[in-house]
């Protein structure tokens, strides 16, 4: 599970533990030994969930991850794709869910804007992620990713993909047929 802020990692992990779910925290402010222990306990299955910032990612290659949850909006499409890519490495079905609120978006934007050198560029990156999340199921999410990264595969992309929420929702919609008009005949 990814959080944008260290304080939220702690809160979410505590909540999960209160619910009987074994969880650990991983973030860039931890000592190396603490990070190693959190990583080890997750890889070996001692804990079910790692609640981390984007510091948790590089070198993570656990094949049986079934679900990646973003507690906040990822800060860029690159971060989103990298973090989503933690799930389903064994080729089996997996899910990625992004939760966020307008307040979260403002908080993340404020955090990014504190660094003036990258603030505007990161602001555009955050707008791209907002579009990805708010497409209101109009476009296949895989296709949005292909377009964002200017992947050549977008030319031959077969839609619907049948696995993203947008395409699943479209395929589940039953278009009602219009009732046939009855013609009156006169004798």
N, C-alpha and C. Protein backbone atom coordinates (compact mmCIF):
# COMPACT_ATOMS: atom_id res chain seq x y z
N UNK A 1 0.85 -1.16 0.00
CA UNK A 1 0.00 0.00 0.00
C UNK A 1 0.89 1.23 0.00
N UNK A 2 0.60 2.17 -0.88
CA UNK A 2 1.41 3.38 -0.98
C UNK A 2 0.68 4.59 -0.41
N UNK A 3 1.41 5.37 0.38
CA UNK A 3 0.91 6.63 0.92
C UNK A 3 1.86 7.74 0.48
N UNK A 4 1.35 8.92 0.32
CA UNK A 4 2.18 10.05 -0.09
C UNK A 4 2.99 10.63 1.08
N UNK A 5 2.53 10.41 2.30
CA UNK A 5 3.16 11.04 3.46
C UNK A 5 3.50 10.01 4.52
N UNK A 6 4.65 10.20 5.16
CA UNK A 6 5.12 9.28 6.21
C UNK A 6 4.10 9.16 7.33
N UNK A 7 3.54 10.28 7.77
CA UNK A 7 2.58 10.25 8.89
C UNK A 7 1.38 9.37 8.56
N UNK A 8 0.97 9.35 7.31
CA UNK A 8 -0.17 8.52 6.92
C UNK A 8 0.22 7.04 6.88
N UNK A 9 1.46 6.74 6.55
CA UNK A 9 1.92 5.34 6.59
C UNK A 9 1.73 4.79 7.99
N UNK A 10 2.15 5.56 8.98
CA UNK A 10 2.03 5.14 10.37
C UNK A 10 0.57 4.94 10.77
N UNK A 11 -0.30 5.91 10.39
CA UNK A 11 -1.72 5.83 10.76
C UNK A 11 -2.40 4.63 10.11
N UNK A 12 -2.13 4.42 8.83
CA UNK A 12 -2.78 3.33 8.11
C UNK A 12 -2.30 1.98 8.64
N UNK A 13 -1.01 1.85 8.88
CA UNK A 13 -0.48 0.59 9.42
C UNK A 13 -1.09 0.30 10.79
N UNK A 14 -1.22 1.32 11.62
CA UNK A 14 -1.84 1.14 12.94
C UNK A 14 -3.30 0.71 12.80
N UNK A 15 -4.02 1.32 11.87
CA UNK A 15 -5.41 0.94 11.64
C UNK A 15 -5.51 -0.52 11.20
N UNK A 16 -4.66 -0.92 10.24
CA UNK A 16 -4.69 -2.30 9.77
C UNK A 16 -4.42 -3.29 10.91
N UNK A 17 -3.45 -2.95 11.73
CA UNK A 17 -3.12 -3.82 12.87
C UNK A 17 -4.32 -3.93 13.82
N UNK A 18 -5.00 -2.80 14.04
CA UNK A 18 -6.20 -2.82 14.89
C UNK A 18 -7.30 -3.72 14.31
N UNK A 19 -7.28 -3.88 13.00
CA UNK A 19 -8.28 -4.72 12.32
C UNK A 19 -7.82 -6.17 12.20
N UNK A 20 -6.67 -6.48 12.79
CA UNK A 20 -6.16 -7.85 12.76
C UNK A 20 -5.36 -8.21 11.54
N UNK A 21 -4.93 -7.21 10.78
CA UNK A 21 -4.12 -7.44 9.58
C UNK A 21 -2.68 -7.09 9.92
N UNK A 22 -1.78 -8.04 9.71
CA UNK A 22 -0.38 -7.76 10.02
C UNK A 22 0.19 -6.79 8.99
N UNK A 23 0.79 -5.73 9.48
CA UNK A 23 1.30 -4.67 8.59
C UNK A 23 2.59 -4.10 9.15
N UNK A 24 3.41 -3.59 8.24
CA UNK A 24 4.63 -2.91 8.63
C UNK A 24 4.74 -1.64 7.81
N UNK A 25 5.62 -0.76 8.23
CA UNK A 25 5.81 0.55 7.57
C UNK A 25 7.17 0.55 6.88
N UNK A 26 7.24 1.28 5.75
CA UNK A 26 8.51 1.44 5.03
C UNK A 26 8.52 2.84 4.44
N UNK A 27 9.53 3.63 4.81
CA UNK A 27 9.66 4.97 4.23
C UNK A 27 11.11 5.42 4.27
N UNK A 28 11.40 6.47 3.57
CA UNK A 28 12.76 6.98 3.45
C UNK A 28 13.34 7.57 4.72
N UNK A 29 12.53 7.85 5.72
CA UNK A 29 13.03 8.42 6.97
C UNK A 29 13.50 7.34 7.95
N UNK A 30 13.27 6.08 7.62
CA UNK A 30 13.66 4.98 8.51
C UNK A 30 15.16 4.70 8.37
N UNK A 31 15.73 4.13 9.42
CA UNK A 31 17.12 3.67 9.37
C UNK A 31 17.19 2.47 8.42
N UNK A 32 18.36 2.25 7.84
CA UNK A 32 18.52 1.15 6.89
C UNK A 32 18.16 -0.20 7.51
N UNK A 33 18.51 -0.42 8.76
CA UNK A 33 18.19 -1.68 9.42
C UNK A 33 16.69 -1.88 9.57
N UNK A 34 15.98 -0.80 9.86
CA UNK A 34 14.52 -0.87 9.99
C UNK A 34 13.88 -1.19 8.63
N UNK A 35 14.39 -0.54 7.60
CA UNK A 35 13.86 -0.80 6.26
C UNK A 35 14.11 -2.25 5.84
N UNK A 36 15.32 -2.72 6.12
CA UNK A 36 15.66 -4.11 5.76
C UNK A 36 14.76 -5.10 6.49
N UNK A 37 14.50 -4.84 7.75
CA UNK A 37 13.64 -5.73 8.54
C UNK A 37 12.21 -5.69 8.03
N UNK A 38 11.69 -4.52 7.71
CA UNK A 38 10.34 -4.41 7.17
C UNK A 38 10.23 -5.17 5.85
N UNK A 39 11.20 -4.98 5.00
CA UNK A 39 11.22 -5.66 3.70
C UNK A 39 11.29 -7.17 3.87
N UNK A 40 12.18 -7.63 4.75
CA UNK A 40 12.36 -9.06 4.99
C UNK A 40 11.08 -9.69 5.52
N UNK A 41 10.44 -9.02 6.50
CA UNK A 41 9.24 -9.59 7.11
C UNK A 41 8.10 -9.69 6.10
N UNK A 42 8.05 -8.79 5.15
CA UNK A 42 7.02 -8.85 4.11
C UNK A 42 7.35 -9.93 3.08
N UNK A 43 8.60 -9.98 2.65
CA UNK A 43 9.00 -10.97 1.65
C UNK A 43 8.81 -12.40 2.15
N UNK A 44 9.02 -12.62 3.44
CA UNK A 44 8.90 -13.97 4.00
C UNK A 44 7.47 -14.30 4.42
N UNK A 45 6.57 -13.33 4.34
CA UNK A 45 5.18 -13.57 4.69
C UNK A 45 4.85 -13.39 6.16
N UNK A 46 5.80 -12.90 6.94
CA UNK A 46 5.51 -12.64 8.36
C UNK A 46 4.47 -11.54 8.51
N UNK A 47 4.48 -10.58 7.60
CA UNK A 47 3.45 -9.55 7.58
C UNK A 47 2.76 -9.58 6.21
N UNK A 48 1.48 -9.24 6.22
CA UNK A 48 0.68 -9.27 5.00
C UNK A 48 0.84 -8.02 4.15
N UNK A 49 1.01 -6.88 4.82
CA UNK A 49 0.95 -5.60 4.11
C UNK A 49 2.13 -4.72 4.48
N UNK A 50 2.72 -4.09 3.46
CA UNK A 50 3.68 -3.02 3.68
C UNK A 50 2.96 -1.72 3.34
N UNK A 51 2.97 -0.79 4.27
CA UNK A 51 2.41 0.53 4.03
C UNK A 51 3.61 1.45 3.90
N UNK A 52 3.86 1.92 2.68
CA UNK A 52 5.07 2.68 2.46
C UNK A 52 4.88 3.89 1.58
N UNK A 53 5.90 4.72 1.60
CA UNK A 53 5.96 5.84 0.65
C UNK A 53 6.59 5.29 -0.62
N UNK A 54 6.82 6.16 -1.59
CA UNK A 54 7.44 5.70 -2.82
C UNK A 54 8.88 5.23 -2.62
N UNK A 55 9.41 5.36 -1.40
CA UNK A 55 10.73 4.80 -1.10
C UNK A 55 10.69 3.28 -1.19
N UNK A 56 9.50 2.71 -1.04
CA UNK A 56 9.33 1.26 -1.17
C UNK A 56 9.05 0.96 -2.62
N UNK A 57 9.98 0.33 -3.26
CA UNK A 57 9.74 0.03 -4.66
C UNK A 57 10.92 -0.61 -5.35
N UNK A 58 12.03 0.05 -5.36
CA UNK A 58 13.18 -0.48 -6.09
C UNK A 58 13.61 -1.81 -5.49
N UNK A 59 13.76 -2.79 -6.34
CA UNK A 59 14.20 -4.10 -5.90
C UNK A 59 13.09 -5.00 -5.41
N UNK A 60 11.86 -4.52 -5.43
CA UNK A 60 10.74 -5.35 -4.99
C UNK A 60 10.34 -6.25 -6.15
N UNK A 61 10.53 -7.54 -5.96
CA UNK A 61 10.18 -8.49 -7.00
C UNK A 61 9.54 -9.72 -6.36
N UNK A 62 8.43 -9.49 -5.68
CA UNK A 62 7.69 -10.57 -5.04
C UNK A 62 6.60 -11.01 -6.01
N UNK A 63 6.63 -12.24 -6.48
CA UNK A 63 5.73 -12.64 -7.56
C UNK A 63 4.26 -12.73 -7.19
N UNK A 64 3.94 -12.97 -5.91
CA UNK A 64 2.55 -13.26 -5.54
C UNK A 64 1.79 -12.08 -4.96
N UNK A 65 2.15 -10.88 -5.32
CA UNK A 65 1.41 -9.70 -4.86
C UNK A 65 0.12 -9.63 -5.68
N UNK A 66 -1.00 -9.67 -4.99
CA UNK A 66 -2.30 -9.68 -5.67
C UNK A 66 -2.95 -8.31 -5.72
N UNK A 67 -2.50 -7.39 -4.86
CA UNK A 67 -3.20 -6.12 -4.77
C UNK A 67 -2.23 -5.02 -4.38
N UNK A 68 -2.28 -3.93 -5.13
CA UNK A 68 -1.54 -2.71 -4.78
C UNK A 68 -2.58 -1.63 -4.57
N UNK A 69 -2.50 -0.97 -3.43
CA UNK A 69 -3.45 0.09 -3.10
C UNK A 69 -2.69 1.39 -2.94
N UNK A 70 -3.16 2.42 -3.62
CA UNK A 70 -2.63 3.77 -3.43
C UNK A 70 -3.61 4.49 -2.52
N UNK A 71 -3.15 4.82 -1.34
CA UNK A 71 -4.00 5.52 -0.37
C UNK A 71 -4.18 6.98 -0.78
N UNK A 72 -3.22 7.50 -1.52
CA UNK A 72 -3.28 8.85 -2.09
C UNK A 72 -2.99 8.74 -3.59
N UNK A 73 -3.25 9.80 -4.29
CA UNK A 73 -2.93 9.87 -5.70
C UNK A 73 -1.42 9.79 -5.88
N UNK A 74 -0.91 8.93 -6.77
CA UNK A 74 0.53 8.93 -7.04
C UNK A 74 0.94 10.28 -7.62
N UNK A 75 2.20 10.64 -7.45
CA UNK A 75 2.65 11.98 -7.86
C UNK A 75 2.92 12.11 -9.35
N UNK A 76 3.00 10.99 -10.08
CA UNK A 76 3.24 11.05 -11.53
C UNK A 76 2.77 9.74 -12.15
N UNK A 77 2.62 9.74 -13.47
CA UNK A 77 2.27 8.52 -14.18
C UNK A 77 3.39 7.49 -14.06
N UNK A 78 4.63 7.97 -14.06
CA UNK A 78 5.76 7.06 -13.91
C UNK A 78 5.71 6.33 -12.57
N UNK A 79 5.44 7.10 -11.50
CA UNK A 79 5.32 6.49 -10.17
C UNK A 79 4.14 5.53 -10.13
N UNK A 80 3.04 5.94 -10.71
CA UNK A 80 1.83 5.11 -10.73
C UNK A 80 2.12 3.77 -11.41
N UNK A 81 2.72 3.82 -12.59
CA UNK A 81 3.00 2.60 -13.34
C UNK A 81 4.00 1.71 -12.61
N UNK A 82 5.04 2.32 -12.06
CA UNK A 82 6.04 1.54 -11.34
C UNK A 82 5.41 0.85 -10.13
N UNK A 83 4.60 1.55 -9.39
CA UNK A 83 3.99 0.99 -8.19
C UNK A 83 2.91 -0.04 -8.55
N UNK A 84 2.13 0.20 -9.60
CA UNK A 84 1.15 -0.78 -10.04
C UNK A 84 1.85 -2.06 -10.49
N UNK A 85 3.03 -1.90 -11.03
CA UNK A 85 3.79 -3.03 -11.55
C UNK A 85 4.29 -4.00 -10.49
N UNK A 86 4.07 -3.69 -9.24
CA UNK A 86 4.45 -4.61 -8.16
C UNK A 86 3.49 -5.79 -8.09
N UNK A 87 2.30 -5.64 -8.64
CA UNK A 87 1.28 -6.69 -8.53
C UNK A 87 1.28 -7.61 -9.74
N UNK A 88 1.01 -8.86 -9.50
CA UNK A 88 0.82 -9.81 -10.58
C UNK A 88 2.05 -10.20 -11.35
N UNK A 89 3.20 -10.13 -10.75
CA UNK A 89 4.43 -10.47 -11.48
C UNK A 89 4.51 -11.94 -11.85
N UNK A 90 3.66 -12.75 -11.23
CA UNK A 90 3.64 -14.17 -11.58
C UNK A 90 2.67 -14.45 -12.72
N UNK A 91 2.08 -13.39 -13.27
CA UNK A 91 1.17 -13.54 -14.40
C UNK A 91 -0.27 -13.83 -14.02
N UNK A 92 -0.54 -13.96 -12.73
CA UNK A 92 -1.91 -14.22 -12.29
C UNK A 92 -2.65 -12.91 -12.07
N UNK A 93 -3.96 -12.99 -12.02
CA UNK A 93 -4.80 -11.79 -11.87
C UNK A 93 -4.43 -11.04 -10.60
N UNK A 94 -4.41 -9.73 -10.72
CA UNK A 94 -4.12 -8.86 -9.58
C UNK A 94 -4.86 -7.55 -9.79
N UNK A 95 -4.90 -6.74 -8.74
CA UNK A 95 -5.64 -5.48 -8.80
C UNK A 95 -4.78 -4.33 -8.31
N UNK A 96 -5.09 -3.17 -8.83
CA UNK A 96 -4.50 -1.93 -8.34
C UNK A 96 -5.66 -0.96 -8.14
N UNK A 97 -5.71 -0.37 -6.96
CA UNK A 97 -6.78 0.57 -6.62
C UNK A 97 -6.15 1.87 -6.17
N UNK A 98 -6.68 2.98 -6.65
CA UNK A 98 -6.19 4.30 -6.25
C UNK A 98 -7.32 5.01 -5.52
N UNK A 99 -7.06 5.37 -4.26
CA UNK A 99 -8.01 6.14 -3.47
C UNK A 99 -7.44 7.55 -3.30
N UNK A 100 -8.28 8.54 -3.38
CA UNK A 100 -7.80 9.89 -3.12
C UNK A 100 -8.98 10.83 -2.96
N UNK A 101 -8.67 12.00 -2.45
CA UNK A 101 -9.69 13.03 -2.32
C UNK A 101 -9.11 14.34 -2.83
N UNK A 102 -9.96 15.33 -2.99
CA UNK A 102 -9.48 16.65 -3.43
C UNK A 102 -8.47 17.21 -2.44
N UNK A 103 -8.68 16.97 -1.15
CA UNK A 103 -7.73 17.43 -0.14
C UNK A 103 -6.36 16.78 -0.35
N UNK A 104 -6.35 15.49 -0.65
CA UNK A 104 -5.09 14.80 -0.91
C UNK A 104 -4.35 15.44 -2.08
N UNK A 105 -5.09 15.74 -3.14
CA UNK A 105 -4.48 16.35 -4.32
C UNK A 105 -3.85 17.69 -3.94
N UNK A 106 -4.56 18.50 -3.17
CA UNK A 106 -4.02 19.79 -2.74
C UNK A 106 -2.79 19.61 -1.85
N UNK A 107 -2.84 18.65 -0.93
CA UNK A 107 -1.69 18.40 -0.05
C UNK A 107 -0.46 17.97 -0.85
N UNK A 108 -0.67 17.08 -1.80
CA UNK A 108 0.46 16.61 -2.63
C UNK A 108 0.99 17.76 -3.47
N UNK A 109 0.10 18.56 -4.04
CA UNK A 109 0.54 19.70 -4.84
C UNK A 109 1.35 20.68 -3.98
N UNK A 110 0.89 20.94 -2.77
CA UNK A 110 1.64 21.83 -1.88
C UNK A 110 3.03 21.27 -1.57
N UNK A 111 3.09 19.98 -1.35
CA UNK A 111 4.37 19.33 -1.08
C UNK A 111 5.31 19.49 -2.28
N UNK A 112 4.76 19.30 -3.48
CA UNK A 112 5.58 19.43 -4.69
C UNK A 112 6.00 20.87 -4.95
N UNK A 113 5.11 21.81 -4.69
CA UNK A 113 5.40 23.21 -4.98
C UNK A 113 6.42 23.81 -4.02
N UNK A 114 6.67 23.15 -2.90
CA UNK A 114 7.71 23.63 -1.99
C UNK A 114 9.09 23.59 -2.64
N UNK A 115 9.24 22.77 -3.65
CA UNK A 115 10.49 22.72 -4.40
C UNK A 115 10.23 23.46 -5.71
N UNK A 116 10.57 24.75 -5.75
CA UNK A 116 10.25 25.59 -6.91
C UNK A 116 10.89 25.12 -8.20
N UNK A 117 12.05 24.47 -8.12
CA UNK A 117 12.74 24.02 -9.33
C UNK A 117 11.93 22.98 -10.09
N UNK A 118 11.20 22.15 -9.37
CA UNK A 118 10.45 21.09 -10.02
C UNK A 118 8.94 21.26 -9.88
N UNK A 119 8.51 22.27 -9.20
CA UNK A 119 7.09 22.44 -8.90
C UNK A 119 6.19 22.43 -10.11
N UNK A 120 6.47 23.22 -11.15
CA UNK A 120 5.59 23.28 -12.32
C UNK A 120 5.58 21.97 -13.08
N UNK A 121 6.74 21.36 -13.25
CA UNK A 121 6.82 20.09 -13.96
C UNK A 121 6.04 19.02 -13.20
N UNK A 122 6.19 18.99 -11.89
CA UNK A 122 5.48 18.01 -11.08
C UNK A 122 3.99 18.31 -11.04
N UNK A 123 3.63 19.58 -11.12
CA UNK A 123 2.21 19.93 -11.16
C UNK A 123 1.55 19.34 -12.39
N UNK A 124 2.22 19.42 -13.55
CA UNK A 124 1.69 18.80 -14.78
C UNK A 124 1.63 17.29 -14.62
N UNK A 125 2.64 16.71 -13.99
CA UNK A 125 2.65 15.25 -13.77
C UNK A 125 1.46 14.83 -12.93
N UNK A 126 1.14 15.61 -11.91
CA UNK A 126 0.00 15.30 -11.05
C UNK A 126 -1.31 15.46 -11.83
N UNK A 127 -1.38 16.45 -12.71
CA UNK A 127 -2.57 16.62 -13.56
C UNK A 127 -2.78 15.39 -14.45
N UNK A 128 -1.68 14.83 -14.97
CA UNK A 128 -1.78 13.63 -15.81
C UNK A 128 -2.37 12.46 -15.02
N UNK A 129 -1.94 12.32 -13.78
CA UNK A 129 -2.46 11.23 -12.94
C UNK A 129 -3.93 11.48 -12.63
N UNK A 130 -4.30 12.73 -12.38
CA UNK A 130 -5.71 13.05 -12.13
C UNK A 130 -6.56 12.65 -13.34
N UNK A 131 -6.07 12.94 -14.54
CA UNK A 131 -6.81 12.56 -15.75
C UNK A 131 -6.95 11.04 -15.82
N UNK A 132 -5.88 10.33 -15.52
CA UNK A 132 -5.91 8.87 -15.53
C UNK A 132 -6.99 8.34 -14.59
N UNK A 133 -7.09 8.94 -13.42
CA UNK A 133 -8.06 8.47 -12.42
C UNK A 133 -9.47 8.95 -12.70
N UNK A 134 -9.61 10.14 -13.26
CA UNK A 134 -10.92 10.75 -13.42
C UNK A 134 -11.50 10.60 -14.82
N UNK A 135 -10.99 9.66 -15.60
CA UNK A 135 -11.49 9.55 -16.97
C UNK A 135 -12.94 9.08 -17.01
N UNK A 136 -13.50 8.83 -15.83
CA UNK A 136 -14.91 8.43 -15.73
C UNK A 136 -15.25 7.25 -16.63
N UNK A 137 -14.29 6.37 -16.75
CA UNK A 137 -14.46 5.13 -17.50
C UNK A 137 -14.77 5.37 -18.97
N UNK A 138 -14.32 6.46 -19.52
CA UNK A 138 -14.51 6.72 -20.94
C UNK A 138 -13.46 6.02 -21.77
N UNK A 139 -12.25 5.94 -21.25
CA UNK A 139 -11.15 5.36 -22.01
C UNK A 139 -10.54 4.18 -21.27
N UNK A 140 -10.05 3.25 -22.01
CA UNK A 140 -9.31 2.12 -21.44
C UNK A 140 -8.09 2.67 -20.70
N UNK A 141 -7.90 2.24 -19.46
CA UNK A 141 -6.76 2.75 -18.68
C UNK A 141 -5.43 2.30 -19.28
N UNK A 142 -5.40 1.11 -19.84
CA UNK A 142 -4.16 0.67 -20.49
C UNK A 142 -3.82 1.58 -21.67
N UNK A 143 -4.84 1.96 -22.42
CA UNK A 143 -4.61 2.85 -23.56
C UNK A 143 -4.12 4.22 -23.10
N UNK A 144 -4.66 4.73 -21.99
CA UNK A 144 -4.19 6.02 -21.44
C UNK A 144 -2.70 5.92 -21.11
N UNK A 145 -2.30 4.80 -20.51
CA UNK A 145 -0.87 4.61 -20.19
C UNK A 145 -0.04 4.57 -21.46
N UNK A 146 -0.50 3.84 -22.47
CA UNK A 146 0.24 3.77 -23.73
C UNK A 146 0.39 5.15 -24.35
N UNK A 147 -0.69 5.93 -24.34
CA UNK A 147 -0.63 7.28 -24.89
C UNK A 147 0.34 8.15 -24.10
N UNK A 148 0.27 8.05 -22.77
CA UNK A 148 1.14 8.88 -21.94
C UNK A 148 2.61 8.60 -22.22
N UNK A 149 2.94 7.34 -22.33
CA UNK A 149 4.34 6.98 -22.55
C UNK A 149 4.70 6.89 -24.02
N UNK A 150 3.77 7.31 -24.90
CA UNK A 150 3.98 7.34 -26.34
C UNK A 150 4.47 6.00 -26.86
N UNK A 151 3.84 4.95 -26.38
CA UNK A 151 4.23 3.60 -26.77
C UNK A 151 3.69 3.30 -28.16
N UNK A 152 4.52 2.70 -28.98
CA UNK A 152 4.13 2.34 -30.34
C UNK A 152 2.95 1.36 -30.36
N UNK A 153 2.81 0.60 -29.29
CA UNK A 153 1.73 -0.39 -29.24
C UNK A 153 0.35 0.25 -29.32
N UNK A 154 0.25 1.55 -29.06
CA UNK A 154 -1.07 2.19 -29.08
C UNK A 154 -1.68 2.13 -30.49
N UNK A 155 -0.85 2.01 -31.51
CA UNK A 155 -1.38 1.94 -32.88
C UNK A 155 -2.14 0.65 -33.14
N UNK A 156 -1.71 -0.42 -32.49
CA UNK A 156 -2.33 -1.72 -32.74
C UNK A 156 -3.14 -2.21 -31.56
N UNK A 157 -3.40 -1.33 -30.61
CA UNK A 157 -4.10 -1.72 -29.38
C UNK A 157 -5.51 -2.17 -29.70
N UNK A 158 -5.85 -3.32 -29.20
CA UNK A 158 -7.19 -3.87 -29.38
C UNK A 158 -8.02 -3.49 -28.17
N UNK A 159 -9.05 -2.70 -28.40
CA UNK A 159 -9.90 -2.32 -27.29
C UNK A 159 -11.22 -3.04 -27.40
N UNK A 160 -11.87 -3.34 -26.35
CA UNK A 160 -11.49 -3.12 -24.96
C UNK A 160 -10.45 -4.13 -24.50
N UNK A 161 -9.69 -3.75 -23.48
CA UNK A 161 -8.66 -4.63 -22.96
C UNK A 161 -9.25 -5.77 -22.17
N UNK A 162 -10.44 -5.60 -21.67
CA UNK A 162 -11.22 -6.57 -20.88
C UNK A 162 -10.75 -6.76 -19.44
N UNK A 163 -9.72 -6.03 -19.01
CA UNK A 163 -9.27 -6.20 -17.63
C UNK A 163 -9.27 -4.93 -16.79
N UNK A 164 -9.23 -3.76 -17.38
CA UNK A 164 -9.27 -2.53 -16.57
C UNK A 164 -10.72 -2.23 -16.20
N UNK A 165 -10.91 -1.42 -15.18
CA UNK A 165 -12.27 -1.13 -14.72
C UNK A 165 -13.11 -0.43 -15.78
N UNK A 166 -12.48 0.39 -16.61
CA UNK A 166 -13.22 1.08 -17.66
C UNK A 166 -13.80 0.10 -18.67
N UNK A 167 -12.96 -0.82 -19.13
CA UNK A 167 -13.42 -1.78 -20.14
C UNK A 167 -14.39 -2.79 -19.56
N UNK A 168 -14.17 -3.19 -18.32
CA UNK A 168 -15.10 -4.11 -17.68
C UNK A 168 -16.47 -3.46 -17.54
N UNK A 169 -16.48 -2.19 -17.14
CA UNK A 169 -17.76 -1.48 -16.98
C UNK A 169 -18.47 -1.36 -18.32
N UNK A 170 -17.73 -1.07 -19.38
CA UNK A 170 -18.35 -0.94 -20.69
C UNK A 170 -18.93 -2.26 -21.17
N UNK A 171 -18.21 -3.35 -20.92
CA UNK A 171 -18.71 -4.64 -21.39
C UNK A 171 -19.91 -5.13 -20.57
N UNK A 172 -20.04 -4.62 -19.35
CA UNK A 172 -21.15 -5.04 -18.49
C UNK A 172 -22.43 -4.26 -18.78
N UNK A 173 -22.29 -3.16 -19.50
CA UNK A 173 -23.46 -2.34 -19.79
C UNK A 173 -24.31 -3.03 -20.85
N UNK A 174 -25.53 -3.27 -20.52
CA UNK A 174 -26.47 -3.85 -21.46
C UNK A 174 -27.24 -2.70 -22.10
N UNK A 175 -27.09 -2.58 -23.38
CA UNK A 175 -27.81 -1.52 -24.07
C UNK A 175 -29.22 -2.03 -24.36
N UNK A 176 -30.22 -1.38 -23.77
CA UNK A 176 -31.58 -1.86 -24.00
C UNK A 176 -32.00 -1.61 -25.44
N UNK A 177 -32.72 -2.53 -25.96
CA UNK A 177 -33.22 -2.33 -27.32
C UNK A 177 -34.53 -1.56 -27.22
N UNK A 178 -34.74 -0.73 -28.19
CA UNK A 178 -35.97 0.06 -28.20
C UNK A 178 -37.15 -0.85 -28.49
N UNK A 179 -38.26 -0.61 -27.81
CA UNK A 179 -39.43 -1.45 -28.10
C UNK A 179 -39.88 -1.20 -29.54
N UNK A 180 -40.30 -2.26 -30.13
CA UNK A 180 -40.77 -2.13 -31.51
C UNK A 180 -42.11 -1.40 -31.53
N UNK A 181 -42.22 -0.55 -32.48
CA UNK A 181 -43.49 0.16 -32.63
C UNK A 181 -44.47 -0.76 -33.34
N UNK A 182 -45.63 -0.77 -32.81
CA UNK A 182 -46.68 -1.60 -33.42
C UNK A 182 -47.44 -0.73 -34.42
N UNK A 183 -47.64 -1.30 -35.51
CA UNK A 183 -48.39 -0.58 -36.52
C UNK A 183 -49.87 -0.96 -36.40
N UNK A 184 -50.61 0.05 -36.50
CA UNK A 184 -52.06 -0.21 -36.50
C UNK A 184 -52.50 -0.41 -37.94
N UNK A 185 -53.24 -1.37 -38.06
CA UNK A 185 -53.80 -1.58 -39.39
C UNK A 185 -55.30 -1.37 -39.32
N UNK A 186 -55.81 -0.86 -40.33
CA UNK A 186 -57.25 -0.67 -40.36
C UNK A 186 -57.84 -1.69 -41.32
N UNK A 187 -58.94 -2.18 -40.98
CA UNK A 187 -59.58 -3.18 -41.83
C UNK A 187 -60.62 -2.55 -42.68
